[in-house]
Protein backbone atom coordinates (compact mmCIF):
# COMPACT_ATOMS: atom_id res chain seq x y z
CA MET A 1 192.23 136.41 89.34
CA ASN A 2 190.35 139.21 87.63
CA VAL A 3 191.65 142.63 88.74
CA GLY A 4 188.10 143.89 89.40
CA ILE A 5 187.24 140.92 91.62
CA ARG A 6 190.54 141.20 93.45
CA SER A 7 189.93 144.91 94.13
CA LEU A 8 186.44 144.15 95.35
CA LEU A 9 187.71 141.41 97.67
CA LEU A 10 190.42 143.70 99.08
CA ALA A 11 187.86 146.45 99.68
CA LEU A 12 185.54 143.98 101.41
CA LEU A 13 188.40 142.71 103.56
CA ALA A 14 189.28 146.28 104.57
CA VAL A 15 185.67 146.95 105.63
CA LEU A 16 185.45 143.71 107.59
CA SER A 17 188.79 144.34 109.27
CA SER A 18 187.83 147.82 110.39
CA THR A 19 184.56 146.46 111.75
CA VAL A 20 186.36 143.80 113.76
CA LEU A 21 188.93 146.28 115.08
CA ALA A 22 186.47 149.01 116.02
CA ALA A 23 185.79 149.70 119.66
CA GLU A 24 182.40 148.67 120.95
CA THR A 25 179.69 151.07 122.15
CA LYS A 26 176.98 149.86 124.53
CA PRO A 27 174.34 151.37 126.78
CA PHE A 28 175.72 151.88 130.30
CA ASP A 29 175.30 148.93 132.61
CA GLN A 30 177.02 148.71 136.01
CA THR A 31 177.76 144.99 135.60
CA THR A 32 179.46 145.61 132.26
CA LEU A 33 181.51 148.47 133.71
CA GLU A 34 182.65 146.30 136.63
CA ALA A 35 183.61 143.42 134.33
CA LEU A 36 185.64 145.75 132.08
CA GLN A 37 187.31 147.30 135.13
CA ALA A 38 188.17 143.87 136.55
CA ALA A 39 189.76 143.00 133.19
CA ASN A 40 191.77 146.28 133.31
CA LYS A 41 190.28 147.39 129.98
CA PRO A 42 190.03 151.01 128.81
CA VAL A 43 186.49 152.32 129.15
CA LEU A 44 184.89 155.51 127.89
CA ILE A 45 181.76 156.68 129.69
CA ASP A 46 179.85 159.01 127.37
CA VAL A 47 177.14 161.00 129.18
CA TYR A 48 174.76 161.89 126.37
CA ALA A 49 171.41 163.63 125.91
CA ASP A 50 169.41 163.48 122.68
CA TRP A 51 168.59 167.20 122.89
CA CYS A 52 172.20 168.30 123.53
CA PRO A 53 173.89 170.05 120.56
CA THR A 54 177.37 169.47 122.03
CA CYS A 55 176.63 165.75 122.40
CA LYS A 56 175.57 165.68 118.76
CA GLN A 57 178.90 167.29 117.80
CA GLN A 58 180.83 164.75 119.90
CA GLU A 59 179.04 161.72 118.46
CA PRO A 60 180.73 161.59 114.99
CA ILE A 61 184.09 162.51 116.55
CA LEU A 62 183.85 159.63 119.02
CA SER A 63 182.70 157.25 116.28
CA GLU A 64 185.67 158.20 114.12
CA LEU A 65 188.19 157.98 116.95
CA LEU A 66 186.88 154.68 118.33
CA ALA A 67 187.14 153.17 114.84
CA ARG A 68 190.89 153.82 114.83
CA PRO A 69 193.09 150.78 115.52
CA GLU A 70 194.81 152.54 118.44
CA PHE A 71 191.49 152.63 120.33
CA LYS A 72 190.29 149.14 119.37
CA ASP A 73 190.47 147.86 122.97
CA TYR A 74 188.06 150.52 124.22
CA THR A 75 184.49 149.86 125.19
CA ALA A 76 182.29 152.95 125.22
CA LEU A 77 179.38 152.94 127.64
CA ARG A 78 176.72 155.55 126.99
CA VAL A 79 174.84 157.03 129.93
CA ASN A 80 171.50 158.66 129.19
CA PHE A 81 171.66 162.03 130.95
CA ASP A 82 167.89 162.25 131.37
CA SER A 83 166.92 158.72 132.38
CA GLN A 84 170.00 157.48 134.30
CA LYS A 85 170.15 160.09 137.05
CA ALA A 86 171.39 157.66 139.71
CA VAL A 87 174.30 156.67 137.47
CA ARG A 88 175.13 160.35 136.87
CA ARG A 89 175.17 161.01 140.61
CA ALA A 90 177.36 157.96 141.26
CA LEU A 91 179.82 159.17 138.61
CA GLY A 92 179.74 162.77 139.84
CA VAL A 93 178.42 164.10 136.53
CA ALA A 94 176.51 167.39 136.55
CA GLN A 95 176.18 168.01 132.81
CA GLN A 96 175.64 166.16 129.58
CA SER A 97 178.50 165.94 127.06
CA THR A 98 180.80 164.66 129.81
CA LEU A 99 183.38 162.06 128.81
CA ILE A 100 185.08 159.93 131.48
CA VAL A 101 187.96 157.59 130.73
CA TYR A 102 188.84 154.66 132.98
CA ARG A 103 191.62 152.11 132.98
CA GLY A 104 190.60 149.40 135.38
CA LYS A 105 189.00 151.09 138.39
CA HIS A 106 191.04 154.27 137.99
CA GLU A 107 189.58 157.35 136.40
CA MET A 108 192.30 158.56 134.04
CA ALA A 109 190.63 161.64 132.53
CA ARG A 110 187.39 163.59 132.35
CA SER A 111 186.23 166.27 129.94
CA LYS A 112 183.09 168.37 129.73
CA GLY A 113 181.72 169.83 126.52
CA ASP A 114 184.85 169.09 124.46
CA THR A 115 184.29 168.98 120.70
CA ASN A 116 187.92 169.13 119.57
CA LYS A 117 188.92 165.85 117.95
CA ASP A 118 192.59 166.16 118.94
CA SER A 119 191.89 166.86 122.59
CA ILE A 120 189.29 164.06 122.78
CA ALA A 121 191.87 161.70 121.24
CA ALA A 122 194.40 162.87 123.86
CA THR A 123 191.83 162.14 126.57
CA LEU A 124 191.29 158.62 125.21
CA ARG A 125 195.03 157.98 125.05
CA LYS A 126 195.35 158.56 128.81
CA ALA A 127 193.94 155.08 129.45
CA LEU A 128 196.19 153.26 126.99
CA PHE A 129 199.49 151.61 127.83
């Protein structure tokens, strides 16, 4: 096989593999949360606002971390701070840029306004076995 074609195929395989392994991010939905909790899956609740500079700093950090193989089992559910006020109240969230980590029905960790990649990764690890 031509070396150039082989390199291209390996690069394509690497991209496809990382896509398959990456954690999934969805808009928050109570039914989805309950299904993930019943399956004892790790869940990240990301309370986000479009106008929030801290949220904008967290976004690429979360994307990078959730693409790592160690976090592949995570599902991230994004709560809109402005339009999902009932969800915020139910979760006990007073400010945007709040991250909540669940394993099953148990809240394992919560952070507010954190933009440090290492500490966010440590927060995510709290729901892994």
